[in-house]
Amino acid sequence: MLAEIRQLTPNDVGLMMALSTCFGEAFKDMPTYTKKRPSADYLKGLLSGDSFIALVALEAIDVVGGLAAYELKKFEQERSEIYIYDLAVSSEYRRKGIATALIERLKLIAADRGAYVIFVQADTGVEDEPAVALYTKLGQREEVLHFDISIESGDEPA
């Protein structure tokens, strides 16, 4: 049976924290996702806004995957695009269609919001080969360069 896919609301702060833990485990980067957790009020505000979208995949009450995305409203036309910032599935639940189900749900949300495209970035390293294969299956691949620009002079982005 496929996991339940659920969009988080301001009442789902606990699930949002569990999603952060899931991301930390999946990306092998627990400090980034769990060391300086935002407050419950911050997460409620984020989840109640109109620019952030969080989806979780639930097996019973456990978060086994999810995605965090942002709606970017465009200036050149009355439309928006959705950027998948993070998407992960716990290792024991991979290859079961959960990531695809998350993206399919996001497509419905994007259509409801009038977005014209969903986009995502993936690294080209060996660790991201499954992600690249998934995104290639679901969309058109474009070769792009990505740059992190620090907001503090002389510092590397964290």
N, C-alpha and C. Protein backbone atom coordinates (compact mmCIF):
# COMPACT_ATOMS: atom_id res chain seq x y z
N MET A 1 0.83 -1.18 0.00
CA MET A 1 0.00 0.00 0.00
C MET A 1 0.87 1.25 0.00
N LEU A 2 0.50 2.23 -0.81
CA LEU A 2 1.23 3.48 -0.90
C LEU A 2 0.97 4.34 0.33
N ALA A 3 1.98 5.06 0.76
CA ALA A 3 1.85 5.95 1.91
C ALA A 3 0.79 7.02 1.64
N GLU A 4 0.21 7.53 2.71
CA GLU A 4 -0.74 8.64 2.59
C GLU A 4 0.05 9.92 2.35
N ILE A 5 -0.33 10.69 1.34
CA ILE A 5 0.31 11.96 1.05
C ILE A 5 -0.57 13.06 1.61
N ARG A 6 0.02 13.94 2.41
CA ARG A 6 -0.76 14.96 3.08
C ARG A 6 -0.06 16.31 3.01
N GLN A 7 -0.83 17.36 2.69
CA GLN A 7 -0.29 18.72 2.72
C GLN A 7 -0.38 19.24 4.14
N LEU A 8 0.71 19.81 4.62
CA LEU A 8 0.73 20.30 5.99
C LEU A 8 0.05 21.66 6.11
N THR A 9 -0.58 21.87 7.27
CA THR A 9 -1.27 23.11 7.61
C THR A 9 -0.59 23.70 8.84
N PRO A 10 -1.00 24.90 9.27
CA PRO A 10 -0.40 25.47 10.48
C PRO A 10 -0.57 24.60 11.73
N ASN A 11 -1.50 23.67 11.71
CA ASN A 11 -1.70 22.77 12.85
C ASN A 11 -0.76 21.57 12.84
N ASP A 12 0.11 21.49 11.85
CA ASP A 12 0.97 20.31 11.68
C ASP A 12 2.44 20.58 12.00
N VAL A 13 2.71 21.40 13.00
CA VAL A 13 4.09 21.75 13.34
C VAL A 13 4.89 20.49 13.70
N GLY A 14 4.30 19.56 14.42
CA GLY A 14 5.00 18.32 14.77
C GLY A 14 5.40 17.52 13.55
N LEU A 15 4.51 17.45 12.57
CA LEU A 15 4.83 16.74 11.33
C LEU A 15 5.91 17.48 10.54
N MET A 16 5.90 18.80 10.59
CA MET A 16 6.93 19.58 9.91
C MET A 16 8.30 19.30 10.53
N MET A 17 8.34 19.20 11.86
CA MET A 17 9.60 18.88 12.53
C MET A 17 10.04 17.46 12.18
N ALA A 18 9.09 16.54 12.10
CA ALA A 18 9.42 15.17 11.71
C ALA A 18 9.93 15.13 10.27
N LEU A 19 9.37 15.98 9.41
CA LEU A 19 9.85 16.05 8.03
C LEU A 19 11.29 16.56 7.99
N SER A 20 11.60 17.55 8.81
CA SER A 20 12.98 18.04 8.88
C SER A 20 13.94 16.92 9.30
N THR A 21 13.53 16.12 10.27
CA THR A 21 14.35 14.99 10.70
C THR A 21 14.52 13.99 9.55
N CYS A 22 13.44 13.73 8.82
CA CYS A 22 13.50 12.83 7.67
C CYS A 22 14.50 13.35 6.63
N PHE A 23 14.46 14.66 6.36
CA PHE A 23 15.41 15.25 5.42
C PHE A 23 16.84 15.08 5.93
N GLY A 24 17.07 15.37 7.21
CA GLY A 24 18.40 15.24 7.78
C GLY A 24 18.96 13.84 7.65
N GLU A 25 18.10 12.84 7.91
CA GLU A 25 18.54 11.44 7.79
C GLU A 25 18.80 11.09 6.33
N ALA A 26 17.88 11.44 5.45
CA ALA A 26 18.01 11.07 4.04
C ALA A 26 19.22 11.73 3.38
N PHE A 27 19.50 12.99 3.75
CA PHE A 27 20.61 13.73 3.14
C PHE A 27 21.90 13.57 3.93
N LYS A 28 21.85 12.78 5.02
CA LYS A 28 23.01 12.57 5.90
C LYS A 28 23.57 13.92 6.35
N ASP A 29 22.66 14.79 6.80
CA ASP A 29 23.03 16.14 7.23
C ASP A 29 22.11 16.57 8.38
N MET A 30 22.15 15.82 9.46
CA MET A 30 21.29 16.11 10.60
C MET A 30 21.49 17.51 11.18
N PRO A 31 22.73 18.03 11.28
CA PRO A 31 22.87 19.36 11.88
C PRO A 31 22.08 20.45 11.14
N THR A 32 22.11 20.44 9.83
CA THR A 32 21.39 21.46 9.08
C THR A 32 19.90 21.41 9.36
N TYR A 33 19.34 20.22 9.48
CA TYR A 33 17.89 20.07 9.59
C TYR A 33 17.37 19.97 11.02
N THR A 34 18.25 19.77 12.01
CA THR A 34 17.74 19.57 13.37
C THR A 34 18.44 20.38 14.46
N LYS A 35 19.63 20.91 14.20
CA LYS A 35 20.39 21.56 15.26
C LYS A 35 19.77 22.88 15.70
N LYS A 36 19.32 23.70 14.76
CA LYS A 36 18.75 25.01 15.09
C LYS A 36 17.31 25.08 14.58
N ARG A 37 16.49 24.18 15.09
CA ARG A 37 15.09 24.13 14.63
C ARG A 37 14.39 25.46 14.87
N PRO A 38 13.56 25.87 13.92
CA PRO A 38 12.77 27.08 14.15
C PRO A 38 11.71 26.83 15.22
N SER A 39 11.22 27.92 15.78
CA SER A 39 10.18 27.81 16.81
C SER A 39 8.88 27.33 16.19
N ALA A 40 7.99 26.87 17.04
CA ALA A 40 6.66 26.44 16.59
C ALA A 40 5.92 27.61 15.94
N ASP A 41 6.06 28.82 16.51
CA ASP A 41 5.40 29.99 15.93
C ASP A 41 5.92 30.29 14.53
N TYR A 42 7.23 30.17 14.34
CA TYR A 42 7.82 30.39 13.02
C TYR A 42 7.25 29.40 12.01
N LEU A 43 7.22 28.12 12.41
CA LEU A 43 6.71 27.08 11.50
C LEU A 43 5.22 27.28 11.21
N LYS A 44 4.45 27.66 12.22
CA LYS A 44 3.03 27.95 11.98
C LYS A 44 2.87 29.07 10.97
N GLY A 45 3.67 30.11 11.10
CA GLY A 45 3.63 31.22 10.15
C GLY A 45 4.00 30.78 8.75
N LEU A 46 5.05 29.98 8.67
CA LEU A 46 5.49 29.47 7.36
C LEU A 46 4.39 28.63 6.72
N LEU A 47 3.80 27.74 7.50
CA LEU A 47 2.76 26.85 6.97
C LEU A 47 1.44 27.57 6.69
N SER A 48 1.25 28.75 7.27
CA SER A 48 0.01 29.48 7.00
C SER A 48 0.17 30.47 5.86
N GLY A 49 1.39 30.70 5.42
CA GLY A 49 1.62 31.63 4.31
C GLY A 49 1.22 31.02 2.98
N ASP A 50 1.27 31.84 1.93
CA ASP A 50 0.86 31.33 0.61
C ASP A 50 2.04 31.02 -0.30
N SER A 51 3.27 31.11 0.21
CA SER A 51 4.41 30.84 -0.67
C SER A 51 5.11 29.52 -0.37
N PHE A 52 4.82 28.88 0.75
CA PHE A 52 5.49 27.64 1.14
C PHE A 52 4.51 26.48 1.09
N ILE A 53 4.99 25.36 0.56
CA ILE A 53 4.18 24.14 0.47
C ILE A 53 4.98 23.00 1.08
N ALA A 54 4.39 22.30 2.02
CA ALA A 54 5.04 21.12 2.61
C ALA A 54 4.09 19.94 2.47
N LEU A 55 4.61 18.86 1.94
CA LEU A 55 3.87 17.61 1.80
C LEU A 55 4.63 16.53 2.55
N VAL A 56 3.90 15.65 3.22
CA VAL A 56 4.53 14.50 3.86
C VAL A 56 3.91 13.21 3.35
N ALA A 57 4.71 12.17 3.37
CA ALA A 57 4.25 10.81 3.11
C ALA A 57 4.20 10.12 4.46
N LEU A 58 3.01 9.63 4.82
CA LEU A 58 2.82 9.00 6.12
C LEU A 58 2.57 7.51 5.99
N GLU A 59 3.24 6.74 6.82
CA GLU A 59 2.95 5.33 7.03
C GLU A 59 2.46 5.26 8.46
N ALA A 60 1.16 5.07 8.63
CA ALA A 60 0.52 5.20 9.94
C ALA A 60 0.75 6.62 10.42
N ILE A 61 1.50 6.81 11.51
CA ILE A 61 1.76 8.17 11.99
C ILE A 61 3.19 8.62 11.73
N ASP A 62 3.98 7.79 11.05
CA ASP A 62 5.39 8.10 10.81
C ASP A 62 5.59 8.81 9.48
N VAL A 63 6.38 9.89 9.51
CA VAL A 63 6.76 10.59 8.29
C VAL A 63 7.88 9.78 7.64
N VAL A 64 7.62 9.26 6.45
CA VAL A 64 8.61 8.44 5.75
C VAL A 64 9.14 9.14 4.50
N GLY A 65 8.68 10.35 4.26
CA GLY A 65 9.15 11.13 3.13
C GLY A 65 8.39 12.43 3.06
N GLY A 66 8.82 13.27 2.15
CA GLY A 66 8.11 14.52 1.97
C GLY A 66 8.85 15.46 1.07
N LEU A 67 8.23 16.59 0.86
CA LEU A 67 8.88 17.63 0.08
C LEU A 67 8.53 19.00 0.63
N ALA A 68 9.44 19.92 0.40
CA ALA A 68 9.25 21.33 0.74
C ALA A 68 9.41 22.10 -0.56
N ALA A 69 8.44 22.96 -0.86
CA ALA A 69 8.47 23.70 -2.11
C ALA A 69 8.04 25.14 -1.87
N TYR A 70 8.40 25.99 -2.79
CA TYR A 70 8.06 27.40 -2.71
C TYR A 70 7.36 27.82 -3.99
N GLU A 71 6.30 28.61 -3.84
CA GLU A 71 5.65 29.21 -5.00
C GLU A 71 6.31 30.56 -5.24
N LEU A 72 6.78 30.75 -6.46
CA LEU A 72 7.44 31.99 -6.83
C LEU A 72 6.51 32.73 -7.80
N LYS A 73 5.96 33.82 -7.34
CA LYS A 73 5.06 34.60 -8.20
C LYS A 73 5.91 35.42 -9.16
N LYS A 74 5.55 35.40 -10.42
CA LYS A 74 6.33 36.04 -11.47
C LYS A 74 5.86 37.48 -11.68
N PHE A 75 6.73 38.29 -12.21
CA PHE A 75 6.39 39.68 -12.47
C PHE A 75 6.03 39.93 -13.92
N GLU A 76 6.56 39.10 -14.83
CA GLU A 76 6.37 39.37 -16.26
C GLU A 76 5.01 38.92 -16.78
N GLN A 77 4.38 38.01 -16.05
CA GLN A 77 3.04 37.56 -16.37
C GLN A 77 2.34 37.20 -15.07
N GLU A 78 1.01 37.15 -15.10
CA GLU A 78 0.26 36.75 -13.91
C GLU A 78 0.26 35.23 -13.82
N ARG A 79 1.33 34.73 -13.31
CA ARG A 79 1.50 33.29 -13.14
C ARG A 79 2.59 33.06 -12.12
N SER A 80 2.77 31.82 -11.76
CA SER A 80 3.82 31.48 -10.81
C SER A 80 4.45 30.16 -11.23
N GLU A 81 5.56 29.87 -10.58
CA GLU A 81 6.22 28.59 -10.75
C GLU A 81 6.51 28.03 -9.37
N ILE A 82 6.61 26.73 -9.30
CA ILE A 82 6.83 26.05 -8.02
C ILE A 82 8.24 25.46 -8.04
N TYR A 83 9.00 25.77 -7.02
CA TYR A 83 10.36 25.26 -6.88
C TYR A 83 10.39 24.21 -5.77
N ILE A 84 10.75 22.99 -6.12
CA ILE A 84 10.93 21.94 -5.11
C ILE A 84 12.30 22.16 -4.49
N TYR A 85 12.30 22.58 -3.24
CA TYR A 85 13.53 22.88 -2.53
C TYR A 85 14.17 21.61 -1.97
N ASP A 86 13.37 20.76 -1.35
CA ASP A 86 13.86 19.49 -0.81
C ASP A 86 12.81 18.42 -1.06
N LEU A 87 13.27 17.24 -1.40
CA LEU A 87 12.41 16.07 -1.55
C LEU A 87 13.23 14.87 -1.10
N ALA A 88 12.67 14.08 -0.20
CA ALA A 88 13.38 12.89 0.28
C ALA A 88 12.39 11.83 0.73
N VAL A 89 12.84 10.59 0.65
CA VAL A 89 12.09 9.44 1.15
C VAL A 89 13.07 8.62 1.99
N SER A 90 12.64 8.19 3.16
CA SER A 90 13.48 7.35 4.02
C SER A 90 13.95 6.13 3.25
N SER A 91 15.18 5.71 3.50
CA SER A 91 15.80 4.65 2.71
C SER A 91 14.98 3.37 2.62
N GLU A 92 14.33 2.96 3.71
CA GLU A 92 13.57 1.71 3.68
C GLU A 92 12.26 1.82 2.91
N TYR A 93 11.86 3.03 2.52
CA TYR A 93 10.61 3.22 1.78
C TYR A 93 10.83 3.64 0.33
N ARG A 94 12.07 3.66 -0.11
CA ARG A 94 12.36 4.07 -1.48
C ARG A 94 11.95 2.99 -2.47
N ARG A 95 11.80 3.42 -3.71
CA ARG A 95 11.45 2.52 -4.84
C ARG A 95 10.04 1.96 -4.67
N LYS A 96 9.17 2.72 -4.01
CA LYS A 96 7.77 2.30 -3.82
C LYS A 96 6.80 3.32 -4.40
N GLY A 97 7.31 4.31 -5.14
CA GLY A 97 6.45 5.29 -5.77
C GLY A 97 6.10 6.48 -4.90
N ILE A 98 6.73 6.61 -3.73
CA ILE A 98 6.38 7.70 -2.83
C ILE A 98 6.82 9.04 -3.39
N ALA A 99 8.04 9.14 -3.89
CA ALA A 99 8.51 10.42 -4.45
C ALA A 99 7.63 10.84 -5.63
N THR A 100 7.27 9.89 -6.47
CA THR A 100 6.39 10.20 -7.60
C THR A 100 5.03 10.67 -7.10
N ALA A 101 4.50 10.02 -6.07
CA ALA A 101 3.21 10.42 -5.52
C ALA A 101 3.28 11.82 -4.92
N LEU A 102 4.38 12.16 -4.28
CA LEU A 102 4.55 13.50 -3.74
C LEU A 102 4.53 14.54 -4.85
N ILE A 103 5.24 14.26 -5.93
CA ILE A 103 5.28 15.21 -7.05
C ILE A 103 3.92 15.28 -7.74
N GLU A 104 3.24 14.16 -7.86
CA GLU A 104 1.90 14.18 -8.47
C GLU A 104 0.94 15.04 -7.64
N ARG A 105 1.01 14.96 -6.31
CA ARG A 105 0.17 15.80 -5.46
C ARG A 105 0.57 17.27 -5.64
N LEU A 106 1.87 17.53 -5.72
CA LEU A 106 2.33 18.91 -5.92
C LEU A 106 1.83 19.46 -7.25
N LYS A 107 1.75 18.62 -8.26
CA LYS A 107 1.22 19.06 -9.56
C LYS A 107 -0.23 19.54 -9.43
N LEU A 108 -1.02 18.85 -8.62
CA LEU A 108 -2.42 19.26 -8.40
C LEU A 108 -2.47 20.62 -7.68
N ILE A 109 -1.64 20.77 -6.67
CA ILE A 109 -1.58 22.03 -5.93
C ILE A 109 -1.13 23.16 -6.86
N ALA A 110 -0.11 22.88 -7.67
CA ALA A 110 0.40 23.88 -8.61
C ALA A 110 -0.68 24.31 -9.59
N ALA A 111 -1.43 23.35 -10.11
CA ALA A 111 -2.50 23.67 -11.04
C ALA A 111 -3.57 24.52 -10.37
N ASP A 112 -3.93 24.19 -9.13
CA ASP A 112 -4.92 24.98 -8.38
C ASP A 112 -4.45 26.41 -8.17
N ARG A 113 -3.14 26.60 -8.05
CA ARG A 113 -2.59 27.93 -7.81
C ARG A 113 -2.30 28.68 -9.10
N GLY A 114 -2.51 28.05 -10.23
CA GLY A 114 -2.25 28.70 -11.51
C GLY A 114 -0.79 28.73 -11.91
N ALA A 115 0.01 27.87 -11.33
CA ALA A 115 1.42 27.80 -11.71
C ALA A 115 1.55 27.18 -13.09
N TYR A 116 2.60 27.55 -13.79
CA TYR A 116 2.77 27.01 -15.13
C TYR A 116 3.87 25.96 -15.21
N VAL A 117 4.68 25.82 -14.15
CA VAL A 117 5.74 24.83 -14.17
C VAL A 117 6.17 24.53 -12.73
N ILE A 118 6.71 23.34 -12.55
CA ILE A 118 7.39 22.95 -11.31
C ILE A 118 8.84 22.70 -11.71
N PHE A 119 9.78 23.21 -10.93
CA PHE A 119 11.17 22.91 -11.24
C PHE A 119 11.92 22.46 -10.00
N VAL A 120 13.01 21.73 -10.24
CA VAL A 120 13.80 21.14 -9.16
C VAL A 120 15.24 21.06 -9.63
N GLN A 121 16.16 21.11 -8.71
CA GLN A 121 17.57 20.93 -9.02
C GLN A 121 18.05 19.61 -8.42
N ALA A 122 19.00 19.00 -9.08
CA ALA A 122 19.63 17.78 -8.55
C ALA A 122 21.11 17.85 -8.84
N ASP A 123 21.89 17.34 -7.92
CA ASP A 123 23.33 17.28 -8.15
C ASP A 123 23.62 16.19 -9.18
N THR A 124 24.76 16.31 -9.83
CA THR A 124 25.11 15.32 -10.86
C THR A 124 25.99 14.20 -10.31
N GLY A 125 26.23 14.18 -9.02
CA GLY A 125 27.07 13.15 -8.42
C GLY A 125 26.35 11.81 -8.30
N VAL A 126 27.11 10.79 -7.97
CA VAL A 126 26.60 9.43 -7.86
C VAL A 126 25.46 9.34 -6.85
N GLU A 127 25.56 10.09 -5.74
CA GLU A 127 24.53 10.03 -4.70
C GLU A 127 23.16 10.47 -5.21
N ASP A 128 23.12 11.33 -6.21
CA ASP A 128 21.85 11.84 -6.70
C ASP A 128 21.35 11.13 -7.97
N GLU A 129 22.00 10.06 -8.39
CA GLU A 129 21.56 9.35 -9.59
C GLU A 129 20.10 8.91 -9.52
N PRO A 130 19.61 8.39 -8.38
CA PRO A 130 18.18 8.03 -8.33
C PRO A 130 17.27 9.25 -8.51
N ALA A 131 17.66 10.38 -7.92
CA ALA A 131 16.85 11.60 -8.07
C ALA A 131 16.85 12.05 -9.53
N VAL A 132 18.01 12.04 -10.16
CA VAL A 132 18.09 12.44 -11.58
C VAL A 132 17.24 11.52 -12.43
N ALA A 133 17.26 10.23 -12.15
CA ALA A 133 16.43 9.28 -12.91
C ALA A 133 14.94 9.57 -12.71
N LEU A 134 14.53 9.86 -11.47
CA LEU A 134 13.13 10.17 -11.20
C LEU A 134 12.71 11.43 -11.94
N TYR A 135 13.49 12.49 -11.82
CA TYR A 135 13.11 13.76 -12.45
C TYR A 135 13.14 13.65 -13.98
N THR A 136 14.05 12.86 -14.50
CA THR A 136 14.09 12.64 -15.96
C THR A 136 12.83 11.95 -16.43
N LYS A 137 12.33 11.00 -15.61
CA LYS A 137 11.09 10.28 -15.94
C LYS A 137 9.89 11.23 -15.94
N LEU A 138 9.90 12.21 -15.06
CA LEU A 138 8.74 13.07 -14.87
C LEU A 138 8.79 14.38 -15.65
N GLY A 139 9.95 14.78 -16.13
CA GLY A 139 10.02 16.09 -16.77
C GLY A 139 11.15 16.19 -17.77
N GLN A 140 11.28 17.38 -18.29
CA GLN A 140 12.31 17.66 -19.28
C GLN A 140 13.58 18.11 -18.58
N ARG A 141 14.69 17.50 -18.94
CA ARG A 141 15.97 17.82 -18.31
C ARG A 141 16.61 19.01 -19.01
N GLU A 142 17.11 19.93 -18.18
CA GLU A 142 17.86 21.08 -18.68
C GLU A 142 19.19 21.11 -17.95
N GLU A 143 20.24 21.44 -18.66
CA GLU A 143 21.55 21.58 -18.04
C GLU A 143 21.70 23.04 -17.59
N VAL A 144 21.93 23.24 -16.29
CA VAL A 144 22.05 24.60 -15.75
C VAL A 144 23.24 24.65 -14.80
N LEU A 145 23.67 25.84 -14.53
CA LEU A 145 24.68 26.07 -13.51
C LEU A 145 23.98 26.67 -12.30
N HIS A 146 24.45 26.34 -11.13
CA HIS A 146 23.87 26.85 -9.89
C HIS A 146 24.98 27.54 -9.12
N PHE A 147 24.72 28.73 -8.61
CA PHE A 147 25.70 29.47 -7.83
C PHE A 147 25.08 29.88 -6.51
N ASP A 148 25.79 29.68 -5.41
CA ASP A 148 25.39 30.19 -4.11
C ASP A 148 26.14 31.50 -3.89
N ILE A 149 25.43 32.56 -3.67
CA ILE A 149 26.03 33.87 -3.45
C ILE A 149 25.84 34.25 -2.00
N SER A 150 26.92 34.40 -1.30
CA SER A 150 26.87 34.73 0.12
C SER A 150 26.35 36.15 0.30
N ILE A 151 25.61 36.37 1.38
CA ILE A 151 25.13 37.72 1.66
C ILE A 151 26.12 38.48 2.54
N GLU A 152 27.13 37.81 3.02
CA GLU A 152 28.18 38.46 3.80
C GLU A 152 29.46 38.42 2.99
N SER A 153 30.15 39.53 2.87
CA SER A 153 31.34 39.58 2.02
C SER A 153 32.42 38.66 2.56
N GLY A 154 32.99 37.91 1.65
CA GLY A 154 34.10 37.02 1.99
C GLY A 154 33.72 35.71 2.62
N ASP A 155 32.45 35.48 2.93
CA ASP A 155 32.03 34.24 3.59
C ASP A 155 31.44 33.26 2.58
N GLU A 156 31.64 32.00 2.85
CA GLU A 156 30.99 30.94 2.06
C GLU A 156 29.59 30.73 2.60
N PRO A 157 28.62 30.41 1.71
CA PRO A 157 27.27 30.10 2.20
C PRO A 157 27.29 28.88 3.11
N ALA A 158 26.44 28.89 4.12
CA ALA A 158 26.37 27.76 5.06
C ALA A 158 25.57 26.63 4.48
